[in-house]
Structure formats: structure tokens, C-alpha cells
């Protein structure tokens, strides 16, 4: 398919004609092909499918380094100068007023505050790591530390939206949805985009992993890390296979009838896809999340033998099992918040204790299985923390300068990109915006962020909107 600009449609790439417009233009004929694909794979139609539906596995735009993404989302805003980017100037000037004004968000600013933790160099790269990251420190030579990130909002929900969707406003597709739209997934029996949420609910809610104006089939599917991962996955006891087939046949007839009258309705396509996926997951989803079947040494590697590390360890182990089975994009949210307006020493020490062993275990496990080379692991929150104290012992939100790290999936490990100023307040050298992070993630997946677009309300949208540059210095 070519646009009026002469650009070829490749995979899910498009430049002018979006899916909805094309379905509306082509009418019932093409729409029925799409529906036939969705229903045909479950033998709801007699003829074989002609395509493989919204999550059809599509080739990347260019050779990809990463096949999957595991995003370790540290909600709340971890402090760079208290984790991986120590600032000696804060130690020298602890208790003094900063030389220039600091723009805090929630009041009660105090003087400059040194980190309550010690730091040591690790690995051949000599990367600085907080003393409490005892296990993760062994993996610094596989990690690229991006120390000059900046975002637009100091408030959690808008900042969460931007980090996930590229926009501080609601209603835009998340990065996982864009990845699925561009590449699909190689496993048709599992969702292409899975979210392992925290136990209390994220700021901004499920819109953080929503599909926005993309077809609803691309939204993230939440799995529960404990108990039954997916509620109502199995049919009731009195629902045998034959009865379920008759029900699906009836649903197929009704959906075909409705789709013939409304061939451009994206939500119907998403609903049909969800029915189909739910049916297919009955055969594979339970096995995919059965972490109890893992050998004892693997369970211990992720910290499942300790009540402090077990909750996040279960999520990280589940993430490995999912990408191992072809899931394209997995987000792993921490249960505790890094939101330390007061008592930072205790807050961050507890968050590190909960996540250090599980994350180190994930990196080690991926590496020993040969999965790290094509799995991109991302660590970071929605912003960072201020260099000045708040409430005497905490730090306020800081979107002006914070840290994210990446490992695996085509990333050059053992390096550091960019710097904040000497007190860690703002990005000072080689700044990296949120669109830059997104552009880099898509690039490693083999997608050109400038050409992965979707037309909505007569405007071409993309994850990186009108900016974004690949961080070339961290590429292997």
C-alpha cells in the first residue's frame, strides 16, 4: 500500500491511510476479511484465515536487536543521587542553601541534602552503585546508565502518562500498544502486551497501559502476580467444550452480522479479538505463569524464598517466562512507591531491599538462557528527586534531571550517558527527553519512531509526537 507521499506501508507502518479509514473505504469486503481472520483461527468459519488479526507477527522495519521489552517501572520517582549517580557536591555542601533557586513542587524546601548511603565502584566499568544494591551491582557491565533524563510534569499522574504514552494528557496509546501495533507478537495464545501491576493501583490508573485511539486489541492485559493470574480464564464446571463451541458459533454469527453493518468499528474488532484470545489462553496462559513449576534454584535466584523480595521476584520471574514464550512487551510495577517526601533513607532502603535481588536475578537468568541479548530491560520511574531536603529528611519531585537505565537487547553495557549538574538538579550534558527514551526503545525493536504513525482526527500521531532522537551512544 502506498500513500500519496509515495511511502510504502510495511508491517503496521503507515503514513496517510490509517486502519480505520481504510476499512471504511474498502467497506464490507475488506472488513469481512479481517473478521474472517479473527474467527477463522478458532474454526468459527469454514474457510481458512487470510491474515492473522491485529496482533499478527510483523517484520521489523530494519534488523532488530531486541525481540521483547521488560520494563521495570519504579513508580514514585527514585532518586538518582541516592541510587546510581552520587553527587560529591551534595556531601561537601550538606546543610547549605543552593547557589541558585530550586523550583520545588510541594513546598517545605530545605537546604542541600547529601545521600544517606555510601557508594562503591563496581565492574570493569567502575560504575557507582549505592551500597544497598548488593546484587544488582554485579551486573553494571551489562547496563547503560542514562543520567540526564528530563520530563515535563512534576505531578505523578501526568508524568506517568508521559513516560508511558509520550503525552502528559490522558487518552494516548502506551508504548506497549505502539510496539504491538508495529510488530504484533509471535505467540497467538498469549497477549502481546502484559502488565504486572502494583497491589495498590498506579497513579492515573489503567490509562497508563491503554491503547488510546489505536484499536483496543493493543491495550495491555493485566496479570495478577499471585493466585489466579487471570480471573475467569476457565469456563464454569458445567460448560463443556461442545457447549462452549456452540456459544462461540452464535457469537460469531452475531458479530459477523453486526460487523457487516459497521465495517469500520474498531471497538468491535477489539471485542472479537478479546473473545478469541481468551479462548486461546485457556490452553497456554496457566502454564506460562506457573512459576511454582520452576526449579528451586531459580526461585531462590529471584528471591522467592524471602518475604521481602518474593512479591517483586514473582513478577520478574513471570516476566521472564512471558517473554520466553513470545510476549512482546511486559511492564513490571513495584508494589512500594519511591515517593520519599520525608524519610528518604528508610523509603529507598526498603524499595531497594524489595527489588535488588529480583532484578539481579532477572538479568542473570535472562543472560544464562541467552535471552538478554534480544530482551531489552528498562529500569526507571516517572521522574526523580530534588537535591534539597523536604520535611527535613525527604526529597521533592524533580522532572528536570533523573536517571533511567537499560540493559540487553542491543544496548552497550558498562557505559554512562549524559550528566546532571553538580548537585543533580537538572540535565546539563547530553540531555535525554522522554521522546528520546521512546525513540531508542522502538529503534532497538527495529521500528523507526518517525514512521510508526496512526492517523486520528485528521492528524498523524506517533509515540514520540514531533520530537525524539535515538540515543546512539548506548547502542551496541
Protein backbone atom coordinates (compact mmCIF):
# COMPACT_ATOMS: atom_id res chain seq x y z
CA UNK A 1 0.00 0.00 0.00
CA UNK A 2 1.37 3.42 -0.87
CA UNK A 3 0.38 6.82 0.39
CA UNK A 4 0.14 9.97 -1.65
CA UNK A 5 3.69 10.71 -0.50
CA UNK A 6 4.89 7.50 -2.10
CA UNK A 7 5.83 5.80 1.16
CA UNK A 8 5.35 2.07 1.36
CA UNK A 9 3.30 0.54 4.12
CA UNK A 10 5.47 -2.03 5.91
CA UNK A 11 4.08 -4.17 8.73
CA UNK A 12 1.95 -1.76 10.80
CA UNK A 13 3.69 1.33 9.39
CA UNK A 14 1.50 3.87 7.71
CA UNK A 15 1.85 7.45 6.60
CA UNK A 16 -1.53 8.71 5.47
CA UNK A 17 -4.11 5.95 5.34
CA UNK A 18 -4.87 4.53 8.77
CA UNK A 19 -6.61 1.24 9.54
CA UNK A 20 -10.00 2.75 10.35
CA UNK A 21 -10.09 4.92 7.24
CA UNK A 22 -9.06 2.04 5.00
CA UNK A 23 -11.68 -0.29 6.45
CA UNK A 24 -14.31 2.38 5.96
CA UNK A 25 -13.18 2.99 2.38
CA UNK A 26 -12.90 -0.66 1.41
CA UNK A 27 -16.22 -1.43 3.02
CA UNK A 28 -17.65 -4.78 3.89
CA UNK A 29 -15.33 -6.82 1.70
CA UNK A 30 -12.08 -6.00 3.47
CA UNK A 31 -13.77 -5.81 6.84
CA UNK A 32 -15.06 -9.33 6.45
CA UNK A 33 -11.52 -10.49 5.65
CA UNK A 34 -10.35 -9.09 8.97
CA UNK A 35 -13.25 -10.70 10.82
CA UNK A 36 -12.66 -13.95 8.99
CA UNK A 37 -9.10 -13.93 10.22
CA UNK A 38 -10.17 -13.45 13.82
CA UNK A 39 -12.88 -16.08 13.71
CA UNK A 40 -11.26 -18.49 11.32
CA UNK A 41 -8.34 -19.47 13.52
CA UNK A 42 -10.84 -20.90 16.02
CA UNK A 43 -12.76 -22.67 13.23
CA UNK A 44 -15.72 -20.34 13.58
CA UNK A 45 -15.59 -20.07 9.79
CA UNK A 46 -15.24 -22.94 7.37
CA UNK A 47 -12.63 -21.23 5.17
CA UNK A 48 -9.02 -20.75 6.32
CA UNK A 49 -7.94 -17.29 7.52
CA UNK A 50 -6.25 -14.89 5.13
CA UNK A 51 -4.40 -12.83 7.78
CA UNK A 52 -3.66 -13.21 11.46
CA UNK A 53 -5.52 -10.33 13.08
CA UNK A 54 -4.36 -7.22 14.94
CA UNK A 55 -1.51 -8.96 16.80
CA UNK A 56 -0.19 -10.71 13.69
CA UNK A 57 3.58 -11.08 13.90
CA UNK A 58 5.05 -8.49 11.51
CA UNK A 59 8.65 -7.99 10.39
CA UNK A 60 10.53 -5.00 11.86
CA UNK A 61 11.35 -2.01 9.68
CA UNK A 62 15.07 -2.89 9.87
CA UNK A 63 17.07 -5.62 11.65
CA UNK A 64 16.06 -5.54 15.31
CA UNK A 65 18.37 -6.04 18.27
CA UNK A 66 15.51 -6.65 20.72
CA UNK A 67 12.64 -9.07 20.32
CA UNK A 68 10.89 -8.18 23.60
CA UNK A 69 10.86 -5.49 26.29
CA UNK A 70 10.67 -5.92 30.06
CA UNK A 71 10.06 -2.50 31.62
CA UNK A 72 10.75 -2.42 35.35
CA UNK A 73 8.65 0.60 36.28
CA UNK A 74 9.78 2.16 39.58
CA UNK A 75 6.67 4.20 40.29
CA UNK A 76 7.02 7.21 42.56
CA UNK A 77 10.30 8.64 41.32
CA UNK A 78 13.57 7.08 42.53
CA UNK A 79 16.37 9.48 43.43
CA UNK A 80 19.37 9.27 41.10
CA UNK A 81 21.82 10.70 43.64
CA UNK A 82 20.76 8.02 46.12
CA UNK A 83 20.91 5.03 43.74
CA UNK A 84 23.36 5.20 40.80
CA UNK A 85 24.59 8.80 40.44
CA UNK A 86 26.29 10.10 43.62
CA UNK A 87 26.95 13.83 43.89
CA UNK A 88 30.04 14.73 45.98
CA UNK A 89 28.98 18.37 45.88
CA UNK A 90 25.92 17.50 47.97
CA UNK A 91 28.17 15.90 50.57
CA UNK A 92 30.51 18.90 50.65
CA UNK A 93 27.66 21.39 50.96
CA UNK A 94 25.21 19.39 53.06
CA UNK A 95 23.01 21.73 55.07
CA UNK A 96 23.83 24.79 52.96
CA UNK A 97 21.47 26.72 50.74
CA UNK A 98 21.90 26.08 46.98
CA UNK A 99 23.69 28.75 44.98
CA UNK A 100 20.67 29.22 42.70
CA UNK A 101 16.93 28.90 43.21
CA UNK A 102 15.40 25.41 43.24
CA UNK A 103 11.85 25.22 41.89
CA UNK A 104 10.11 22.73 44.19
CA UNK A 105 6.56 21.50 43.62
CA UNK A 106 5.06 20.74 47.03
CA UNK A 107 6.69 23.22 49.40
CA UNK A 108 8.75 22.89 52.58
CA UNK A 109 12.12 23.11 50.79
CA UNK A 110 15.20 22.87 52.93
CA UNK A 111 18.94 23.10 52.29
CA UNK A 112 21.03 20.77 50.16
CA UNK A 113 20.93 17.22 51.45
CA UNK A 114 23.64 14.61 50.99
CA UNK A 115 22.77 10.99 50.31
CA UNK A 116 22.31 8.92 53.46
CA UNK A 117 24.02 6.00 51.71
CA UNK A 118 27.54 5.06 50.79
CA UNK A 119 28.63 4.28 47.23
CA UNK A 120 31.19 1.94 45.69
CA UNK A 121 32.54 1.38 42.20
CA UNK A 122 31.77 -1.94 40.55
CA UNK A 123 32.65 -3.95 37.45
CA UNK A 124 35.23 -3.21 34.81
CA UNK A 125 33.29 -0.05 34.02
CA UNK A 126 33.72 1.26 37.56
CA UNK A 127 30.09 2.29 37.79
CA UNK A 128 28.99 3.88 41.05
CA UNK A 129 26.26 1.98 42.87
CA UNK A 130 24.51 2.59 46.19
CA UNK A 131 25.70 0.27 48.95
CA UNK A 132 22.29 -1.38 49.27
CA UNK A 133 22.16 -2.62 45.65
CA UNK A 134 24.43 -5.51 46.62
CA UNK A 135 23.24 -7.98 43.94
CA UNK A 136 22.49 -5.61 41.08
CA UNK A 137 25.99 -4.14 41.41
CA UNK A 138 27.39 -7.32 39.87
CA UNK A 139 25.59 -6.54 36.59
CA UNK A 140 26.74 -2.97 35.90
CA UNK A 141 28.85 -4.04 32.93
CA UNK A 142 25.61 -5.10 31.19
CA UNK A 143 23.88 -1.79 31.97
CA UNK A 144 23.83 1.58 30.20
CA UNK A 145 23.07 4.32 32.75
CA UNK A 146 21.23 7.29 31.22
CA UNK A 147 21.84 10.04 33.76
CA UNK A 148 20.42 13.12 32.03
CA UNK A 149 16.72 12.35 31.58
CA UNK A 150 14.14 15.10 31.84
CA UNK A 151 10.34 15.19 31.65
CA UNK A 152 7.58 17.80 31.57
CA UNK A 153 5.45 17.35 34.67
CA UNK A 154 6.26 17.32 38.42
CA UNK A 155 2.96 15.57 39.21
CA UNK A 156 2.67 11.80 39.33
CA UNK A 157 -0.29 11.10 37.03
CA UNK A 158 0.72 13.41 34.15
CA UNK A 159 4.33 12.27 34.48
CA UNK A 160 3.20 8.63 34.43
CA UNK A 161 1.16 9.31 31.32
CA UNK A 162 4.12 10.93 29.60
CA UNK A 163 6.52 8.15 30.49
CA UNK A 164 4.05 5.55 29.28
CA UNK A 165 2.39 7.28 26.33
CA UNK A 166 4.61 10.23 25.43
CA UNK A 167 1.92 12.74 26.45
CA UNK A 168 1.08 14.28 29.82
CA UNK A 169 -2.62 14.13 28.88
CA UNK A 170 -4.94 11.15 29.02
CA UNK A 171 -6.14 9.11 26.08
CA UNK A 172 -2.97 8.32 24.11
CA UNK A 173 -1.60 4.87 23.24
CA UNK A 174 1.05 3.45 25.56
CA UNK A 175 4.49 2.37 24.42
CA UNK A 176 3.50 -1.29 24.68
CA UNK A 177 0.50 -0.64 22.45
CA UNK A 178 2.67 1.08 19.85
CA UNK A 179 5.12 -1.83 19.92
CA UNK A 180 2.27 -4.28 19.38
CA UNK A 181 0.80 -2.14 16.61
CA UNK A 182 4.15 -2.07 14.85
CA UNK A 183 5.27 -5.66 15.36
CA UNK A 184 2.46 -7.86 16.63
CA UNK A 185 3.51 -10.91 18.62
CA UNK A 186 4.85 -14.36 17.70
CA UNK A 187 2.57 -16.13 20.22
CA UNK A 188 -1.12 -16.04 19.35
CA UNK A 189 -2.14 -17.83 22.56
CA UNK A 190 -0.91 -15.10 24.91
CA UNK A 191 -1.43 -11.32 24.97
CA UNK A 192 1.24 -9.37 23.16
CA UNK A 193 1.34 -6.76 25.93
CA UNK A 194 1.14 -7.81 29.59
CA UNK A 195 1.16 -5.58 32.68
CA UNK A 196 2.04 -6.88 36.15
CA UNK A 197 0.59 -4.02 38.23
CA UNK A 198 1.26 -2.96 41.79
CA UNK A 199 -1.03 -4.02 44.60
CA UNK A 200 -2.49 -0.57 45.32
CA UNK A 201 -3.17 0.82 41.84
CA UNK A 202 -0.98 3.17 39.81
CA UNK A 203 -1.39 6.93 39.64
CA UNK A 204 -3.55 7.58 36.59
CA UNK A 205 -4.88 4.03 36.53
CA UNK A 206 -5.14 1.67 33.54
CA UNK A 207 -4.80 4.55 31.07
CA UNK A 208 -1.07 4.09 31.61
CA UNK A 209 -1.26 0.89 29.58
CA UNK A 210 -4.28 1.72 27.43
CA UNK A 211 -4.40 1.68 23.65
CA UNK A 212 -5.78 5.21 23.33
CA UNK A 213 -7.02 5.76 19.79
CA UNK A 214 -5.31 2.62 18.47
CA UNK A 215 -7.60 -0.40 18.11
CA UNK A 216 -8.48 -1.63 21.58
CA UNK A 217 -6.87 -5.03 20.89
CA UNK A 218 -3.50 -3.36 21.53
CA UNK A 219 -4.12 -2.35 25.15
CA UNK A 220 -2.17 -4.03 27.94
CA UNK A 221 -3.61 -7.11 29.63
CA UNK A 222 -3.13 -7.16 33.41
CA UNK A 223 -1.94 -10.38 35.04
CA UNK A 224 -2.09 -10.88 38.78
CA UNK A 225 1.28 -11.97 40.20
CA UNK A 226 -0.28 -14.19 42.87
CA UNK A 227 -3.18 -16.59 42.90
CA UNK A 228 -5.07 -16.93 39.64
CA UNK A 229 -3.23 -14.71 37.16
CA UNK A 230 -6.31 -14.20 35.00
CA UNK A 231 -9.75 -14.24 36.54
CA UNK A 232 -12.45 -16.29 34.82
CA UNK A 233 -9.95 -17.88 32.46
CA UNK A 234 -11.54 -21.28 32.81
CA UNK A 235 -15.22 -21.79 31.86
CA UNK A 236 -17.68 -22.85 34.59
CA UNK A 237 -17.77 -26.52 35.53
CA UNK A 238 -20.98 -27.16 33.58
CA UNK A 239 -19.53 -25.62 30.38
CA UNK A 240 -18.07 -28.44 28.31
CA UNK A 241 -16.12 -27.93 25.08
CA UNK A 242 -19.08 -28.66 22.80
CA UNK A 243 -21.31 -26.18 24.63
CA UNK A 244 -18.59 -23.53 24.55
CA UNK A 245 -18.19 -24.11 20.81
CA UNK A 246 -21.91 -23.58 20.23
CA UNK A 247 -21.75 -20.35 22.23
CA UNK A 248 -18.78 -19.12 20.21
CA UNK A 249 -20.54 -20.08 16.96
CA UNK A 250 -23.54 -17.99 17.97
CA UNK A 251 -21.32 -15.08 19.00
CA UNK A 252 -19.53 -15.39 15.66
CA UNK A 253 -22.81 -15.20 13.74
CA UNK A 254 -23.95 -12.14 15.68
CA UNK A 255 -20.61 -10.41 15.32
CA UNK A 256 -20.47 -11.08 11.59
CA UNK A 257 -23.93 -9.63 11.19
CA UNK A 258 -23.05 -6.53 13.18
CA UNK A 259 -19.67 -6.12 11.52
CA UNK A 260 -21.28 -6.24 8.06
CA UNK A 261 -23.34 -3.18 9.04
CA UNK A 262 -20.44 -1.40 10.79
CA UNK A 263 -17.26 -2.40 8.97
CA UNK A 264 -15.15 0.45 10.38
CA UNK A 265 -15.91 -0.09 14.06
CA UNK A 266 -12.55 -0.61 15.83
CA UNK A 267 -14.03 -1.50 19.21
CA UNK A 268 -15.88 -4.42 17.66
CA UNK A 269 -12.63 -5.75 16.25
CA UNK A 270 -11.07 -5.42 19.67
CA UNK A 271 -14.01 -7.20 21.31
CA UNK A 272 -13.82 -10.06 18.82
CA UNK A 273 -10.08 -10.31 19.36
CA UNK A 274 -10.52 -10.41 23.13
CA UNK A 275 -13.02 -13.29 22.87
CA UNK A 276 -10.65 -15.18 20.64
CA UNK A 277 -7.62 -14.52 22.82
CA UNK A 278 -9.48 -15.59 25.96
CA UNK A 279 -10.40 -18.88 24.29
CA UNK A 280 -6.84 -19.46 23.13
CA UNK A 281 -5.33 -18.55 26.51
CA UNK A 282 -7.19 -21.44 28.14
CA UNK A 283 -4.58 -23.77 26.65
CA UNK A 284 -1.40 -21.78 27.42
CA UNK A 285 -1.79 -18.94 29.90
CA UNK A 286 -1.88 -21.05 33.05
CA UNK A 287 1.30 -22.85 32.04
CA UNK A 288 3.02 -19.57 31.15
CA UNK A 289 2.52 -18.09 34.62
CA UNK A 290 3.09 -21.27 36.60
CA UNK A 291 6.20 -20.11 38.41
CA UNK A 292 5.77 -22.86 41.01
CA UNK A 293 6.97 -25.28 38.33
CA UNK A 294 10.37 -23.56 38.27
CA UNK A 295 13.25 -25.43 39.98
CA UNK A 296 14.16 -24.35 43.48
CA UNK A 297 17.47 -22.70 42.49
CA UNK A 298 15.66 -20.43 40.01
CA UNK A 299 13.02 -19.49 42.55
CA UNK A 300 15.78 -18.63 45.02
CA UNK A 301 17.62 -16.62 42.35
CA UNK A 302 14.60 -14.31 42.16
CA UNK A 303 14.22 -14.10 45.94
CA UNK A 304 11.06 -16.16 46.24
CA UNK A 305 12.40 -17.69 49.45
CA UNK A 306 12.20 -14.37 51.31
CA UNK A 307 9.01 -12.48 52.18
CA UNK A 308 10.64 -9.12 51.40
CA UNK A 309 11.74 -9.99 47.88
CA UNK A 310 9.12 -12.60 46.95
CA UNK A 311 6.38 -10.20 45.69
CA UNK A 312 8.60 -8.46 43.15
CA UNK A 313 10.52 -11.66 42.50
CA UNK A 314 7.33 -13.41 41.38
CA UNK A 315 6.65 -10.61 38.90
CA UNK A 316 10.18 -10.66 37.49
CA UNK A 317 10.13 -14.43 37.10
CA UNK A 318 6.73 -14.25 35.47
CA UNK A 319 8.09 -11.59 33.08
CA UNK A 320 10.93 -13.90 32.04
CA UNK A 321 8.50 -16.76 31.41
CA UNK A 322 6.28 -14.48 29.31
CA UNK A 323 8.99 -13.11 27.03
CA UNK A 324 10.42 -16.61 26.76
CA UNK A 325 7.06 -17.60 25.24
CA UNK A 326 6.93 -14.72 22.80
CA UNK A 327 5.13 -11.92 24.65
CA UNK A 328 6.34 -8.71 23.07
CA UNK A 329 6.09 -6.20 25.91
CA UNK A 330 5.89 -6.70 29.69
CA UNK A 331 5.66 -3.95 32.30
CA UNK A 332 6.54 -4.85 35.88
CA UNK A 333 5.40 -2.32 38.51
CA UNK A 334 6.90 -2.29 42.01
CA UNK A 335 4.46 -2.52 44.90
CA UNK A 336 6.11 0.09 47.12
CA UNK A 337 6.40 3.71 46.00
CA UNK A 338 9.71 5.58 45.72
CA UNK A 339 7.82 8.75 46.68
CA UNK A 340 10.02 9.93 49.56
CA UNK A 341 8.87 13.43 50.55
CA UNK A 342 10.05 12.53 54.04
CA UNK A 343 12.14 9.71 55.41
CA UNK A 344 14.07 9.05 52.21
CA UNK A 345 16.67 6.88 53.93
CA UNK A 346 14.03 4.37 55.04
CA UNK A 347 11.89 4.63 51.92
CA UNK A 348 14.62 3.98 49.37
CA UNK A 349 16.32 1.37 51.54
CA UNK A 350 13.05 -0.58 51.65
CA UNK A 351 12.43 -0.22 47.90
CA UNK A 352 15.97 -1.41 47.14
CA UNK A 353 15.58 -4.34 49.53
CA UNK A 354 12.38 -5.38 47.73
CA UNK A 355 13.79 -5.14 44.20
CA UNK A 356 17.58 -5.68 44.27
CA UNK A 357 17.62 -9.49 44.34
CA UNK A 358 14.67 -9.93 41.91
CA UNK A 359 16.13 -7.55 39.30
CA UNK A 360 19.63 -9.04 39.60
CA UNK A 361 18.05 -12.48 39.33
CA UNK A 362 16.16 -11.46 36.20
CA UNK A 363 19.29 -10.16 34.48
CA UNK A 364 21.28 -13.25 35.47
CA UNK A 365 18.53 -15.62 34.37
CA UNK A 366 17.99 -13.90 31.03
CA UNK A 367 21.72 -13.96 30.40
CA UNK A 368 22.24 -17.62 31.25
CA UNK A 369 19.36 -18.57 28.94
CA UNK A 370 20.66 -16.48 26.05
CA UNK A 371 17.60 -14.21 26.28
CA UNK A 372 19.28 -11.00 27.42
CA UNK A 373 20.80 -10.34 24.01
CA UNK A 374 17.34 -9.94 22.47
CA UNK A 375 15.35 -8.76 25.51
CA UNK A 376 15.54 -5.06 26.34
CA UNK A 377 15.30 -4.43 30.09
CA UNK A 378 14.39 -0.87 31.15
CA UNK A 379 14.52 0.48 34.73
CA UNK A 380 13.20 3.85 35.88
CA UNK A 381 10.31 5.91 37.20
CA UNK A 382 8.29 8.87 36.00
CA UNK A 383 10.80 11.46 37.35
CA UNK A 384 13.50 11.84 40.01
CA UNK A 385 14.03 13.69 43.29
CA UNK A 386 15.37 17.12 44.27
CA UNK A 387 18.87 17.77 45.68
CA UNK A 388 17.41 19.82 48.54
CA UNK A 389 15.71 18.32 51.56
CA UNK A 390 11.98 18.32 52.15
CA UNK A 391 10.39 17.93 55.58
CA UNK A 392 13.91 17.59 56.90
CA UNK A 393 14.63 14.10 55.57
CA UNK A 394 12.98 13.67 52.16
CA UNK A 395 13.17 14.97 48.61
CA UNK A 396 10.51 16.55 46.39
CA UNK A 397 9.66 15.50 42.81
CA UNK A 398 12.19 16.51 40.16
CA UNK A 399 11.35 16.18 36.44
CA UNK A 400 14.36 18.31 35.44
CA UNK A 401 17.02 15.64 35.88
CA UNK A 402 16.72 11.94 36.65
CA UNK A 403 18.10 8.53 35.75
CA UNK A 404 16.94 5.59 33.67
CA UNK A 405 18.96 2.53 32.76
CA UNK A 406 18.72 -0.06 30.01
CA UNK A 407 20.31 -3.46 29.56
CA UNK A 408 20.30 -6.22 26.94
CA UNK A 409 18.50 -6.05 23.60
CA UNK A 410 21.22 -4.23 21.66
CA UNK A 411 22.35 -1.92 24.49
CA UNK A 412 26.07 -1.38 25.06
CA UNK A 413 26.67 -2.24 28.69
CA UNK A 414 29.12 -0.71 31.12
CA UNK A 415 28.62 2.87 29.97
CA UNK A 416 27.09 6.09 31.19
CA UNK A 417 25.33 8.66 29.01
CA UNK A 418 24.77 12.28 30.00
CA UNK A 419 25.07 14.13 33.28
CA UNK A 420 23.02 16.32 35.55
CA UNK A 421 24.63 19.39 37.12
CA UNK A 422 26.92 19.05 40.12
CA UNK A 423 24.02 18.80 42.58
CA UNK A 424 21.73 16.67 40.39
CA UNK A 425 19.05 19.31 39.79
CA UNK A 426 18.79 19.47 36.00
CA UNK A 427 20.10 17.68 32.92
CA UNK A 428 23.30 19.51 31.98
CA UNK A 429 25.15 17.33 29.45
CA UNK A 430 23.61 15.34 26.60
CA UNK A 431 20.03 15.70 27.89
CA UNK A 432 17.58 12.90 27.13
CA UNK A 433 13.86 13.61 26.82
CA UNK A 434 11.05 11.10 27.26
CA UNK A 435 10.58 11.01 23.45
CA UNK A 436 14.30 10.18 23.16
CA UNK A 437 13.82 7.21 25.50
CA UNK A 438 10.83 6.04 23.46
CA UNK A 439 12.65 6.52 20.16
CA UNK A 440 15.52 4.39 21.46
CA UNK A 441 13.23 1.63 22.69
CA UNK A 442 11.43 1.47 19.34
CA UNK A 443 14.73 1.58 17.44
CA UNK A 444 16.05 -1.42 19.35
CA UNK A 445 12.85 -3.26 18.43
CA UNK A 446 13.52 -2.49 14.77
CA UNK A 447 10.95 0.32 14.46
CA UNK A 448 11.51 3.82 13.11
CA UNK A 449 9.72 6.12 15.56
CA UNK A 450 9.17 8.77 12.88
CA UNK A 451 7.33 6.37 10.58
CA UNK A 452 5.30 4.37 13.05
CA UNK A 453 2.20 6.57 12.84
CA UNK A 454 -1.56 6.40 13.15
CA UNK A 455 -4.00 8.94 11.74
CA UNK A 456 -6.54 10.13 14.30
CA UNK A 457 -8.85 13.13 13.95
CA UNK A 458 -7.13 14.12 10.69
CA UNK A 459 -3.68 14.20 12.30
CA UNK A 460 -0.82 11.72 12.17
CA UNK A 461 0.20 10.68 15.68
CA UNK A 462 3.24 8.76 16.87
CA UNK A 463 4.62 7.72 20.27
CA UNK A 464 7.31 10.41 20.09
CA UNK A 465 4.90 13.08 18.73
CA UNK A 466 7.06 15.68 16.94
CA UNK A 467 10.44 15.05 18.57
CA UNK A 468 12.65 12.21 19.76
CA UNK A 469 16.19 11.12 18.92
CA UNK A 470 17.71 7.70 19.27
CA UNK A 471 20.41 7.67 21.99
CA UNK A 472 23.11 6.31 19.70
CA UNK A 473 25.87 6.30 22.32
CA UNK A 474 24.23 3.41 24.20
CA UNK A 475 23.74 1.19 21.15
CA UNK A 476 25.94 -1.89 20.85
